[in-house]
């Protein structure tokens, strides 16, 4: 029964098995890259650095001098003011994965 099997059929089955496995691996890699790209850090929600609370704790713990504390505090307040003055983006385009086809543009 096994002696009647054509070697061309076996090679064809092996070839398509390897092609299928390669396609599955490639698909997995694409899905993971898109997932990582979509769940990447949002620039607008990135922290500014130290908060005033952090600065106060470091100053109270003796990790900062009075001069360093005042300088860092003024920088933090200034950065917060600039962020609040920035108008919200009106024309926000949706994120697209890298190499996404640009249809209709």
C-alpha atoms as a PDB file:
ATOM      1  CA  UNK A   1       0.000   0.000   0.000  1.00  0.00           C
ATOM      2  CA  UNK A   2       2.749   2.494   0.906  1.00  0.00           C
ATOM      3  CA  UNK A   3       4.871   1.246  -1.985  1.00  0.00           C
ATOM      4  CA  UNK A   4       2.182   2.444  -4.421  1.00  0.00           C
ATOM      5  CA  UNK A   5       2.501   6.109  -3.281  1.00  0.00           C
ATOM      6  CA  UNK A   6       4.078   8.352  -5.898  1.00  0.00           C
ATOM      7  CA  UNK A   7       7.092  10.358  -4.677  1.00  0.00           C
ATOM      8  CA  UNK A   8       5.745  13.402  -6.571  1.00  0.00           C
ATOM      9  CA  UNK A   9       2.630  13.362  -4.407  1.00  0.00           C
ATOM     10  CA  UNK A  10       4.703  13.204  -1.240  1.00  0.00           C
ATOM     11  CA  UNK A  11       6.851  16.131  -2.369  1.00  0.00           C
ATOM     12  CA  UNK A  12       3.751  18.115  -3.271  1.00  0.00           C
ATOM     13  CA  UNK A  13       2.209  17.493   0.149  1.00  0.00           C
ATOM     14  CA  UNK A  14       5.471  18.437   1.904  1.00  0.00           C
ATOM     15  CA  UNK A  15       5.815  21.578  -0.202  1.00  0.00           C
ATOM     16  CA  UNK A  16       2.299  22.812   0.597  1.00  0.00           C
ATOM     17  CA  UNK A  17       2.739  21.928   4.272  1.00  0.00           C
ATOM     18  CA  UNK A  18       5.854  24.113   4.430  1.00  0.00           C
ATOM     19  CA  UNK A  19       4.068  26.913   2.539  1.00  0.00           C
ATOM     20  CA  UNK A  20       1.133  26.766   4.964  1.00  0.00           C
ATOM     21  CA  UNK A  21       3.399  26.849   8.018  1.00  0.00           C
ATOM     22  CA  UNK A  22       5.364  29.778   6.562  1.00  0.00           C
ATOM     23  CA  UNK A  23       2.126  31.662   5.859  1.00  0.00           C
ATOM     24  CA  UNK A  24       0.924  31.082   9.422  1.00  0.00           C
ATOM     25  CA  UNK A  25       4.207  32.337  10.866  1.00  0.00           C
ATOM     26  CA  UNK A  26       4.169  35.396   8.603  1.00  0.00           C
ATOM     27  CA  UNK A  27       0.567  36.115   9.570  1.00  0.00           C
ATOM     28  CA  UNK A  28       1.427  35.840  13.248  1.00  0.00           C
ATOM     29  CA  UNK A  29       4.338  38.263  12.850  1.00  0.00           C
ATOM     30  CA  UNK A  30       2.137  40.782  11.024  1.00  0.00           C
ATOM     31  CA  UNK A  31      -0.602  40.566  13.655  1.00  0.00           C
ATOM     32  CA  UNK A  32       1.878  41.054  16.495  1.00  0.00           C
ATOM     33  CA  UNK A  33       3.519  44.068  14.802  1.00  0.00           C
ATOM     34  CA  UNK A  34       0.153  45.724  14.199  1.00  0.00           C
ATOM     35  CA  UNK A  35      -0.920  44.960  17.772  1.00  0.00           C
ATOM     36  CA  UNK A  36       2.274  46.473  19.181  1.00  0.00           C
ATOM     37  CA  UNK A  37       1.944  49.482  16.905  1.00  0.00           C
ATOM     38  CA  UNK A  38      -1.667  50.107  17.942  1.00  0.00           C
ATOM     39  CA  UNK A  39      -0.987  49.669  21.644  1.00  0.00           C
ATOM     40  CA  UNK A  40       2.123  51.865  21.602  1.00  0.00           C
ATOM     41  CA  UNK A  41       2.442  54.776  23.980  1.00  0.00           C
ATOM     42  CA  UNK A  42       0.200  57.720  23.249  1.00  0.00           C
ATOM     43  CA  UNK A  43       2.259  60.890  22.961  1.00  0.00           C
ATOM     44  CA  UNK A  44      -0.465  63.059  24.470  1.00  0.00           C
ATOM     45  CA  UNK A  45      -0.624  60.943  27.631  1.00  0.00           C
ATOM     46  CA  UNK A  46       3.135  60.866  28.204  1.00  0.00           C
ATOM     47  CA  UNK A  47       4.110  62.214  31.616  1.00  0.00           C
ATOM     48  CA  UNK A  48       5.788  65.598  31.779  1.00  0.00           C
ATOM     49  CA  UNK A  49       8.443  64.350  34.173  1.00  0.00           C
ATOM     50  CA  UNK A  50       8.226  64.861  37.878  1.00  0.00           C
ATOM     51  CA  UNK A  51       4.947  66.037  39.361  1.00  0.00           C
ATOM     52  CA  UNK A  52       4.829  68.691  42.046  1.00  0.00           C
ATOM     53  CA  UNK A  53       4.052  65.942  44.518  1.00  0.00           C
ATOM     54  CA  UNK A  54       7.197  64.062  43.469  1.00  0.00           C
ATOM     55  CA  UNK A  55       9.267  67.214  43.835  1.00  0.00           C
ATOM     56  CA  UNK A  56       7.849  67.920  47.300  1.00  0.00           C
ATOM     57  CA  UNK A  57       8.616  64.366  48.447  1.00  0.00           C
ATOM     58  CA  UNK A  58      12.195  64.544  47.160  1.00  0.00           C
ATOM     59  CA  UNK A  59      12.682  67.937  48.799  1.00  0.00           C
ATOM     60  CA  UNK A  60      11.265  66.687  52.119  1.00  0.00           C
ATOM     61  CA  UNK A  61      13.509  63.611  51.945  1.00  0.00           C
ATOM     62  CA  UNK A  62      16.569  65.817  51.479  1.00  0.00           C
ATOM     63  CA  UNK A  63      17.242  64.649  47.926  1.00  0.00           C
ATOM     64  CA  UNK A  64      16.943  68.233  46.633  1.00  0.00           C
ATOM     65  CA  UNK A  65      18.188  71.533  47.942  1.00  0.00           C
ATOM     66  CA  UNK A  66      15.833  74.500  48.309  1.00  0.00           C
ATOM     67  CA  UNK A  67      17.295  76.078  45.176  1.00  0.00           C
ATOM     68  CA  UNK A  68      16.899  72.870  43.115  1.00  0.00           C
ATOM     69  CA  UNK A  69      13.345  72.456  44.373  1.00  0.00           C
ATOM     70  CA  UNK A  70      12.312  75.982  43.383  1.00  0.00           C
ATOM     71  CA  UNK A  71      13.941  75.663  39.960  1.00  0.00           C
ATOM     72  CA  UNK A  72      12.293  72.294  39.256  1.00  0.00           C
ATOM     73  CA  UNK A  73       8.966  73.534  40.596  1.00  0.00           C
ATOM     74  CA  UNK A  74       8.963  76.571  38.301  1.00  0.00           C
ATOM     75  CA  UNK A  75       9.876  74.402  35.289  1.00  0.00           C
ATOM     76  CA  UNK A  76       7.080  71.952  36.086  1.00  0.00           C
ATOM     77  CA  UNK A  77       4.517  74.717  36.480  1.00  0.00           C
ATOM     78  CA  UNK A  78       5.697  76.387  33.254  1.00  0.00           C
ATOM     79  CA  UNK A  79       5.417  73.108  31.321  1.00  0.00           C
ATOM     80  CA  UNK A  80       1.912  72.554  32.693  1.00  0.00           C
ATOM     81  CA  UNK A  81       0.846  76.049  31.655  1.00  0.00           C
ATOM     82  CA  UNK A  82       2.171  75.550  28.128  1.00  0.00           C
ATOM     83  CA  UNK A  83       0.348  72.248  27.861  1.00  0.00           C
ATOM     84  CA  UNK A  84      -2.906  73.837  29.000  1.00  0.00           C
ATOM     85  CA  UNK A  85      -2.544  76.732  26.527  1.00  0.00           C
ATOM     86  CA  UNK A  86      -2.102  74.385  23.576  1.00  0.00           C
ATOM     87  CA  UNK A  87      -5.398  74.113  21.680  1.00  0.00           C
ATOM     88  CA  UNK A  88      -6.765  70.635  21.088  1.00  0.00           C
ATOM     89  CA  UNK A  89      -6.139  69.142  17.686  1.00  0.00           C
ATOM     90  CA  UNK A  90      -9.173  69.611  15.435  1.00  0.00           C
ATOM     91  CA  UNK A  91      -8.122  67.553  12.439  1.00  0.00           C
ATOM     92  CA  UNK A  92      -7.057  64.309  14.031  1.00  0.00           C
ATOM     93  CA  UNK A  93      -6.359  61.548  11.544  1.00  0.00           C
ATOM     94  CA  UNK A  94      -6.748  57.941  12.652  1.00  0.00           C
ATOM     95  CA  UNK A  95      -3.607  55.924  13.188  1.00  0.00           C
ATOM     96  CA  UNK A  96      -2.646  53.544  10.430  1.00  0.00           C
ATOM     97  CA  UNK A  97      -0.259  50.658  10.583  1.00  0.00           C
ATOM     98  CA  UNK A  98       3.057  51.096   8.731  1.00  0.00           C
ATOM     99  CA  UNK A  99       2.820  50.507   4.973  1.00  0.00           C
ATOM    100  CA  UNK A 100      -0.980  50.772   5.091  1.00  0.00           C
ATOM    101  CA  UNK A 101      -2.374  51.405   1.606  1.00  0.00           C
ATOM    102  CA  UNK A 102      -3.558  54.974   1.177  1.00  0.00           C
ATOM    103  CA  UNK A 103      -6.881  54.523  -0.568  1.00  0.00           C
ATOM    104  CA  UNK A 104      -8.512  57.655  -1.909  1.00  0.00           C
ATOM    105  CA  UNK A 105      -5.678  60.025  -1.134  1.00  0.00           C
END
